[in-house]
Amino acid sequence: MVIDSFKSKIIFLDTAPLIYFIEGSSPYKTVLKKLFQANAKGDFLFITSSITLLEVLVHPIKLQRMDLVTQYQTILTQSATLEIMDVTKPIAIKAAELRAIHNLKTPDSIQLATAFIAGAHFFITNDRGLPAIKNIKLVNLSDLK
């Protein structure tokens, strides 16, 4: 999938792509740089869940890497082109439905429910085990060009 196809769309950003971008230690480094540059230009809006903030902070806190903690917090809370959504009642209800139907773990069901409630067009992830959700195209990092 070509990054240009995201223009003027809402893109849900799962946890792994953000970690790979910030920590720069993945085979997706080049494509993620292009993706985040296009987002920074305002080509499209990233949304994510407050669950993403929780997940990205655990490892740096455990390692006492306050530089990474600060970097994640800055990117997730101060970007004009990335919106963090808190878990609301409609998201919780949709997450329960997705978890019941697809036997998902709670964090995955919340991520997908957030994307659904936010009206995301695409869901960028590195998790090939996620189920297809109506009206949202799952995009694996290996599919990006």
N, C-alpha and C. Protein backbone atom coordinates (compact mmCIF):
# COMPACT_ATOMS: atom_id res chain seq x y z
N MET A 1 0.85 -1.18 0.00
CA MET A 1 0.00 0.00 0.00
C MET A 1 0.89 1.24 0.00
N VAL A 2 0.59 2.15 -0.85
CA VAL A 2 1.37 3.38 -1.00
C VAL A 2 0.89 4.42 0.02
N ILE A 3 1.81 5.06 0.68
CA ILE A 3 1.49 6.05 1.71
C ILE A 3 0.61 7.17 1.16
N ASP A 4 0.77 7.51 -0.11
CA ASP A 4 -0.05 8.56 -0.73
C ASP A 4 -1.55 8.24 -0.67
N SER A 5 -1.91 6.98 -0.57
CA SER A 5 -3.33 6.61 -0.51
C SER A 5 -3.96 6.98 0.83
N PHE A 6 -3.17 7.43 1.79
CA PHE A 6 -3.68 7.85 3.09
C PHE A 6 -4.13 9.32 3.10
N LYS A 7 -3.84 10.05 2.03
CA LYS A 7 -4.14 11.49 1.99
C LYS A 7 -5.57 11.79 2.42
N SER A 8 -5.70 12.74 3.32
CA SER A 8 -6.98 13.24 3.83
C SER A 8 -7.80 12.17 4.56
N LYS A 9 -7.15 11.15 5.04
CA LYS A 9 -7.84 10.06 5.74
C LYS A 9 -7.48 10.08 7.22
N ILE A 10 -8.21 9.29 7.98
CA ILE A 10 -7.91 9.09 9.40
C ILE A 10 -7.22 7.74 9.52
N ILE A 11 -6.03 7.75 10.10
CA ILE A 11 -5.20 6.55 10.20
C ILE A 11 -5.00 6.20 11.67
N PHE A 12 -5.44 5.01 12.07
CA PHE A 12 -5.17 4.57 13.44
C PHE A 12 -3.77 4.01 13.49
N LEU A 13 -3.00 4.44 14.46
CA LEU A 13 -1.61 4.02 14.63
C LEU A 13 -1.53 3.08 15.83
N ASP A 14 -1.25 1.82 15.57
CA ASP A 14 -1.10 0.83 16.62
C ASP A 14 0.25 1.05 17.34
N THR A 15 0.46 0.34 18.41
CA THR A 15 1.62 0.55 19.27
C THR A 15 2.96 0.23 18.59
N ALA A 16 3.07 -0.93 17.96
CA ALA A 16 4.36 -1.36 17.39
C ALA A 16 4.95 -0.37 16.39
N PRO A 17 4.17 0.15 15.44
CA PRO A 17 4.77 1.11 14.51
C PRO A 17 5.37 2.34 15.20
N LEU A 18 4.73 2.79 16.26
CA LEU A 18 5.25 3.94 16.99
C LEU A 18 6.57 3.59 17.68
N ILE A 19 6.62 2.42 18.30
CA ILE A 19 7.86 1.98 18.95
C ILE A 19 8.98 1.86 17.91
N TYR A 20 8.68 1.23 16.79
CA TYR A 20 9.70 1.06 15.74
C TYR A 20 10.21 2.41 15.24
N PHE A 21 9.30 3.38 15.10
CA PHE A 21 9.69 4.70 14.61
C PHE A 21 10.58 5.41 15.62
N ILE A 22 10.17 5.44 16.87
CA ILE A 22 10.92 6.17 17.91
C ILE A 22 12.26 5.51 18.18
N GLU A 23 12.26 4.21 18.30
CA GLU A 23 13.48 3.52 18.69
C GLU A 23 14.34 3.15 17.49
N GLY A 24 13.79 3.29 16.28
CA GLY A 24 14.56 3.17 15.05
C GLY A 24 15.27 1.85 14.80
N SER A 25 14.83 0.79 15.44
CA SER A 25 15.55 -0.47 15.31
C SER A 25 14.68 -1.53 14.64
N SER A 26 14.24 -1.25 13.44
CA SER A 26 13.43 -2.23 12.74
C SER A 26 13.71 -2.15 11.24
N PRO A 27 13.32 -3.19 10.52
CA PRO A 27 13.49 -3.15 9.07
C PRO A 27 12.55 -2.16 8.39
N TYR A 28 11.63 -1.58 9.16
CA TYR A 28 10.65 -0.64 8.61
C TYR A 28 11.07 0.82 8.78
N LYS A 29 12.29 1.05 9.17
CA LYS A 29 12.77 2.39 9.49
C LYS A 29 12.51 3.40 8.36
N THR A 30 12.84 3.05 7.15
CA THR A 30 12.70 3.97 6.02
C THR A 30 11.24 4.29 5.73
N VAL A 31 10.40 3.27 5.66
CA VAL A 31 8.99 3.51 5.35
C VAL A 31 8.29 4.25 6.49
N LEU A 32 8.69 3.97 7.72
CA LEU A 32 8.09 4.70 8.85
C LEU A 32 8.50 6.17 8.84
N LYS A 33 9.72 6.45 8.45
CA LYS A 33 10.16 7.84 8.34
C LYS A 33 9.29 8.58 7.32
N LYS A 34 9.04 7.96 6.18
CA LYS A 34 8.18 8.57 5.15
C LYS A 34 6.75 8.75 5.67
N LEU A 35 6.26 7.76 6.40
CA LEU A 35 4.91 7.81 6.94
C LEU A 35 4.76 8.97 7.93
N PHE A 36 5.69 9.09 8.85
CA PHE A 36 5.62 10.14 9.87
C PHE A 36 5.89 11.53 9.27
N GLN A 37 6.71 11.61 8.23
CA GLN A 37 6.92 12.89 7.55
C GLN A 37 5.64 13.35 6.86
N ALA A 38 4.94 12.42 6.20
CA ALA A 38 3.68 12.77 5.55
C ALA A 38 2.65 13.21 6.57
N ASN A 39 2.62 12.54 7.72
CA ASN A 39 1.71 12.93 8.79
C ASN A 39 2.06 14.32 9.31
N ALA A 40 3.34 14.58 9.53
CA ALA A 40 3.78 15.88 10.05
C ALA A 40 3.42 17.02 9.10
N LYS A 41 3.39 16.74 7.78
CA LYS A 41 3.00 17.74 6.78
C LYS A 41 1.49 17.97 6.78
N GLY A 42 0.75 17.13 7.49
CA GLY A 42 -0.69 17.27 7.53
C GLY A 42 -1.43 16.53 6.43
N ASP A 43 -0.74 15.58 5.79
CA ASP A 43 -1.39 14.82 4.71
C ASP A 43 -2.56 13.98 5.23
N PHE A 44 -2.48 13.56 6.47
CA PHE A 44 -3.53 12.75 7.09
C PHE A 44 -3.40 12.88 8.60
N LEU A 45 -4.44 12.44 9.31
CA LEU A 45 -4.46 12.50 10.77
C LEU A 45 -4.18 11.12 11.34
N PHE A 46 -3.24 11.05 12.27
CA PHE A 46 -3.05 9.84 13.06
C PHE A 46 -3.96 9.93 14.27
N ILE A 47 -4.59 8.82 14.60
CA ILE A 47 -5.25 8.72 15.90
C ILE A 47 -4.70 7.46 16.55
N THR A 48 -4.77 7.43 17.85
CA THR A 48 -4.40 6.24 18.61
C THR A 48 -5.16 6.28 19.92
N SER A 49 -5.01 5.24 20.69
CA SER A 49 -5.72 5.12 21.96
C SER A 49 -4.77 5.44 23.11
N SER A 50 -5.35 5.81 24.24
CA SER A 50 -4.53 6.02 25.43
C SER A 50 -3.85 4.71 25.84
N ILE A 51 -4.36 3.58 25.37
CA ILE A 51 -3.71 2.28 25.59
C ILE A 51 -2.32 2.28 24.95
N THR A 52 -2.18 2.95 23.80
CA THR A 52 -0.87 3.04 23.14
C THR A 52 0.13 3.75 24.05
N LEU A 53 -0.31 4.84 24.68
CA LEU A 53 0.58 5.56 25.60
C LEU A 53 1.03 4.63 26.71
N LEU A 54 0.11 3.88 27.29
CA LEU A 54 0.44 2.92 28.35
C LEU A 54 1.48 1.92 27.83
N GLU A 55 1.21 1.33 26.66
CA GLU A 55 2.08 0.27 26.15
C GLU A 55 3.48 0.76 25.79
N VAL A 56 3.59 1.96 25.21
CA VAL A 56 4.93 2.42 24.81
C VAL A 56 5.79 2.85 25.99
N LEU A 57 5.16 3.19 27.11
CA LEU A 57 5.92 3.69 28.26
C LEU A 57 6.46 2.58 29.17
N VAL A 58 5.88 1.40 29.14
CA VAL A 58 6.26 0.34 30.07
C VAL A 58 7.75 0.00 30.00
N HIS A 59 8.23 -0.33 28.81
CA HIS A 59 9.63 -0.77 28.67
C HIS A 59 10.63 0.35 29.03
N PRO A 60 10.45 1.57 28.51
CA PRO A 60 11.38 2.64 28.91
C PRO A 60 11.38 2.92 30.42
N ILE A 61 10.21 2.84 31.04
CA ILE A 61 10.15 3.05 32.49
C ILE A 61 10.90 1.93 33.21
N LYS A 62 10.69 0.71 32.76
CA LYS A 62 11.37 -0.44 33.36
C LYS A 62 12.88 -0.29 33.25
N LEU A 63 13.34 0.23 32.10
CA LEU A 63 14.79 0.43 31.87
C LEU A 63 15.30 1.74 32.44
N GLN A 64 14.41 2.53 33.02
CA GLN A 64 14.73 3.86 33.54
C GLN A 64 15.31 4.76 32.45
N ARG A 65 14.72 4.66 31.25
CA ARG A 65 15.12 5.48 30.11
C ARG A 65 14.17 6.67 30.02
N MET A 66 14.38 7.64 30.88
CA MET A 66 13.49 8.80 30.93
C MET A 66 13.53 9.61 29.64
N ASP A 67 14.64 9.51 28.89
CA ASP A 67 14.71 10.19 27.60
C ASP A 67 13.65 9.63 26.64
N LEU A 68 13.49 8.30 26.63
CA LEU A 68 12.47 7.69 25.78
C LEU A 68 11.06 7.97 26.31
N VAL A 69 10.91 7.97 27.61
CA VAL A 69 9.61 8.29 28.21
C VAL A 69 9.18 9.68 27.76
N THR A 70 10.09 10.63 27.86
CA THR A 70 9.80 12.01 27.46
C THR A 70 9.50 12.10 25.97
N GLN A 71 10.28 11.39 25.16
CA GLN A 71 10.08 11.42 23.72
C GLN A 71 8.70 10.86 23.34
N TYR A 72 8.33 9.73 23.92
CA TYR A 72 7.00 9.16 23.65
C TYR A 72 5.89 10.11 24.10
N GLN A 73 6.01 10.65 25.29
CA GLN A 73 4.98 11.55 25.80
C GLN A 73 4.85 12.79 24.92
N THR A 74 5.97 13.32 24.47
CA THR A 74 5.93 14.51 23.61
C THR A 74 5.23 14.20 22.30
N ILE A 75 5.62 13.12 21.65
CA ILE A 75 5.02 12.77 20.36
C ILE A 75 3.53 12.49 20.50
N LEU A 76 3.16 11.78 21.55
CA LEU A 76 1.76 11.38 21.70
C LEU A 76 0.85 12.46 22.27
N THR A 77 1.41 13.43 22.94
CA THR A 77 0.53 14.43 23.59
C THR A 77 0.68 15.84 23.03
N GLN A 78 1.68 16.09 22.20
CA GLN A 78 1.89 17.46 21.73
C GLN A 78 1.90 17.61 20.21
N SER A 79 1.50 16.58 19.50
CA SER A 79 1.49 16.66 18.04
C SER A 79 0.16 17.19 17.55
N ALA A 80 0.21 18.08 16.58
CA ALA A 80 -1.02 18.62 15.99
C ALA A 80 -1.64 17.64 15.00
N THR A 81 -0.88 16.61 14.60
CA THR A 81 -1.38 15.67 13.60
C THR A 81 -1.54 14.26 14.16
N LEU A 82 -1.56 14.15 15.49
CA LEU A 82 -1.79 12.87 16.16
C LEU A 82 -2.71 13.12 17.34
N GLU A 83 -3.82 12.43 17.36
CA GLU A 83 -4.80 12.60 18.43
C GLU A 83 -4.90 11.33 19.25
N ILE A 84 -4.78 11.47 20.57
CA ILE A 84 -4.95 10.35 21.48
C ILE A 84 -6.39 10.35 21.96
N MET A 85 -7.03 9.18 21.87
CA MET A 85 -8.41 9.06 22.33
C MET A 85 -8.45 8.24 23.61
N ASP A 86 -9.14 8.77 24.61
CA ASP A 86 -9.34 8.02 25.84
C ASP A 86 -10.39 6.95 25.64
N VAL A 87 -10.39 5.96 26.51
CA VAL A 87 -11.39 4.90 26.45
C VAL A 87 -12.70 5.46 27.01
N THR A 88 -13.69 5.53 26.15
CA THR A 88 -15.01 6.04 26.52
C THR A 88 -15.98 4.86 26.64
N LYS A 89 -17.20 5.14 27.10
CA LYS A 89 -18.20 4.08 27.19
C LYS A 89 -18.47 3.43 25.84
N PRO A 90 -18.68 4.22 24.76
CA PRO A 90 -18.91 3.57 23.46
C PRO A 90 -17.72 2.71 23.01
N ILE A 91 -16.50 3.15 23.30
CA ILE A 91 -15.32 2.35 22.94
C ILE A 91 -15.30 1.07 23.77
N ALA A 92 -15.59 1.17 25.05
CA ALA A 92 -15.60 -0.01 25.92
C ALA A 92 -16.64 -1.03 25.45
N ILE A 93 -17.81 -0.55 25.07
CA ILE A 93 -18.87 -1.44 24.60
C ILE A 93 -18.46 -2.12 23.29
N LYS A 94 -17.93 -1.34 22.36
CA LYS A 94 -17.47 -1.91 21.08
C LYS A 94 -16.31 -2.88 21.32
N ALA A 95 -15.40 -2.56 22.25
CA ALA A 95 -14.28 -3.44 22.56
C ALA A 95 -14.78 -4.77 23.13
N ALA A 96 -15.78 -4.72 23.98
CA ALA A 96 -16.36 -5.95 24.54
C ALA A 96 -16.96 -6.81 23.43
N GLU A 97 -17.64 -6.15 22.51
CA GLU A 97 -18.24 -6.86 21.37
C GLU A 97 -17.15 -7.53 20.52
N LEU A 98 -16.11 -6.78 20.20
CA LEU A 98 -15.01 -7.32 19.39
C LEU A 98 -14.29 -8.45 20.11
N ARG A 99 -14.10 -8.27 21.41
CA ARG A 99 -13.42 -9.30 22.20
C ARG A 99 -14.24 -10.58 22.25
N ALA A 100 -15.56 -10.44 22.42
CA ALA A 100 -16.43 -11.60 22.48
C ALA A 100 -16.49 -12.34 21.13
N ILE A 101 -16.59 -11.58 20.06
CA ILE A 101 -16.73 -12.18 18.73
C ILE A 101 -15.42 -12.80 18.24
N HIS A 102 -14.30 -12.08 18.46
CA HIS A 102 -13.03 -12.49 17.87
C HIS A 102 -12.04 -13.09 18.87
N ASN A 103 -12.46 -13.22 20.14
CA ASN A 103 -11.59 -13.77 21.19
C ASN A 103 -10.27 -13.01 21.30
N LEU A 104 -10.36 -11.68 21.25
CA LEU A 104 -9.18 -10.82 21.31
C LEU A 104 -8.76 -10.57 22.75
N LYS A 105 -7.50 -10.19 22.92
CA LYS A 105 -7.04 -9.70 24.21
C LYS A 105 -7.63 -8.30 24.40
N THR A 106 -7.80 -7.89 25.64
CA THR A 106 -8.42 -6.60 25.93
C THR A 106 -7.72 -5.43 25.24
N PRO A 107 -6.38 -5.31 25.31
CA PRO A 107 -5.75 -4.16 24.63
C PRO A 107 -6.03 -4.12 23.13
N ASP A 108 -5.98 -5.28 22.46
CA ASP A 108 -6.26 -5.31 21.03
C ASP A 108 -7.70 -4.91 20.73
N SER A 109 -8.62 -5.38 21.56
CA SER A 109 -10.03 -5.03 21.33
C SER A 109 -10.25 -3.53 21.54
N ILE A 110 -9.56 -2.93 22.50
CA ILE A 110 -9.69 -1.49 22.74
C ILE A 110 -9.10 -0.70 21.56
N GLN A 111 -7.95 -1.14 21.07
CA GLN A 111 -7.33 -0.46 19.93
C GLN A 111 -8.27 -0.48 18.71
N LEU A 112 -8.79 -1.66 18.39
CA LEU A 112 -9.68 -1.78 17.23
C LEU A 112 -10.98 -1.01 17.44
N ALA A 113 -11.52 -1.06 18.64
CA ALA A 113 -12.76 -0.34 18.94
C ALA A 113 -12.54 1.17 18.83
N THR A 114 -11.40 1.64 19.28
CA THR A 114 -11.09 3.07 19.18
C THR A 114 -11.04 3.49 17.72
N ALA A 115 -10.38 2.69 16.91
CA ALA A 115 -10.31 2.99 15.46
C ALA A 115 -11.70 3.01 14.86
N PHE A 116 -12.54 2.06 15.22
CA PHE A 116 -13.90 1.97 14.69
C PHE A 116 -14.72 3.19 15.10
N ILE A 117 -14.72 3.52 16.38
CA ILE A 117 -15.52 4.64 16.89
C ILE A 117 -15.02 5.96 16.31
N ALA A 118 -13.72 6.07 16.08
CA ALA A 118 -13.14 7.31 15.53
C ALA A 118 -13.38 7.46 14.03
N GLY A 119 -13.86 6.41 13.39
CA GLY A 119 -14.08 6.47 11.95
C GLY A 119 -12.80 6.35 11.14
N ALA A 120 -11.81 5.64 11.69
CA ALA A 120 -10.55 5.47 10.97
C ALA A 120 -10.77 4.70 9.67
N HIS A 121 -10.04 5.12 8.65
CA HIS A 121 -10.09 4.44 7.36
C HIS A 121 -9.09 3.29 7.30
N PHE A 122 -7.95 3.47 7.98
CA PHE A 122 -6.88 2.49 7.99
C PHE A 122 -6.40 2.25 9.41
N PHE A 123 -5.86 1.06 9.65
CA PHE A 123 -5.30 0.67 10.95
C PHE A 123 -3.92 0.11 10.67
N ILE A 124 -2.88 0.89 11.02
CA ILE A 124 -1.50 0.47 10.74
C ILE A 124 -0.97 -0.29 11.95
N THR A 125 -0.50 -1.51 11.68
CA THR A 125 -0.07 -2.40 12.75
C THR A 125 1.06 -3.29 12.26
N ASN A 126 1.62 -4.04 13.17
CA ASN A 126 2.55 -5.10 12.80
C ASN A 126 2.02 -6.43 13.32
N ASP A 127 0.75 -6.46 13.69
CA ASP A 127 0.10 -7.64 14.26
C ASP A 127 -0.75 -8.31 13.19
N ARG A 128 -0.25 -9.40 12.64
CA ARG A 128 -0.97 -10.11 11.58
C ARG A 128 -2.16 -10.91 12.13
N GLY A 129 -2.28 -11.01 13.45
CA GLY A 129 -3.35 -11.80 14.05
C GLY A 129 -4.65 -11.05 14.27
N LEU A 130 -4.68 -9.77 13.93
CA LEU A 130 -5.90 -8.99 14.15
C LEU A 130 -6.95 -9.32 13.10
N PRO A 131 -8.21 -9.36 13.51
CA PRO A 131 -9.27 -9.66 12.54
C PRO A 131 -9.65 -8.43 11.72
N ALA A 132 -10.23 -8.67 10.58
CA ALA A 132 -10.76 -7.58 9.75
C ALA A 132 -11.97 -6.97 10.47
N ILE A 133 -12.04 -5.66 10.45
CA ILE A 133 -13.15 -4.93 11.07
C ILE A 133 -13.85 -4.14 9.97
N LYS A 134 -15.16 -4.15 10.01
CA LYS A 134 -15.96 -3.48 8.99
C LYS A 134 -15.53 -2.02 8.82
N ASN A 135 -15.31 -1.60 7.58
CA ASN A 135 -14.99 -0.24 7.17
C ASN A 135 -13.58 0.23 7.51
N ILE A 136 -12.74 -0.65 8.07
CA ILE A 136 -11.35 -0.27 8.39
C ILE A 136 -10.42 -1.25 7.68
N LYS A 137 -9.49 -0.70 6.91
CA LYS A 137 -8.52 -1.55 6.23
C LYS A 137 -7.29 -1.73 7.12
N LEU A 138 -7.01 -2.98 7.49
CA LEU A 138 -5.81 -3.28 8.26
C LEU A 138 -4.61 -3.22 7.32
N VAL A 139 -3.58 -2.49 7.74
CA VAL A 139 -2.36 -2.37 6.93
C VAL A 139 -1.18 -2.79 7.78
N ASN A 140 -0.53 -3.85 7.35
CA ASN A 140 0.65 -4.32 8.05
C ASN A 140 1.86 -3.51 7.57
N LEU A 141 2.81 -3.29 8.44
CA LEU A 141 3.99 -2.50 8.07
C LEU A 141 4.69 -3.04 6.83
N SER A 142 4.70 -4.35 6.67
CA SER A 142 5.37 -4.93 5.50
C SER A 142 4.63 -4.62 4.20
N ASP A 143 3.38 -4.14 4.30
CA ASP A 143 2.60 -3.79 3.11
C ASP A 143 2.82 -2.34 2.66
N LEU A 144 3.50 -1.54 3.48
CA LEU A 144 3.68 -0.11 3.17
C LEU A 144 4.84 0.11 2.20
N LYS A 145 4.61 1.09 1.31
CA LYS A 145 5.66 1.48 0.35
C LYS A 145 5.76 2.99 0.32
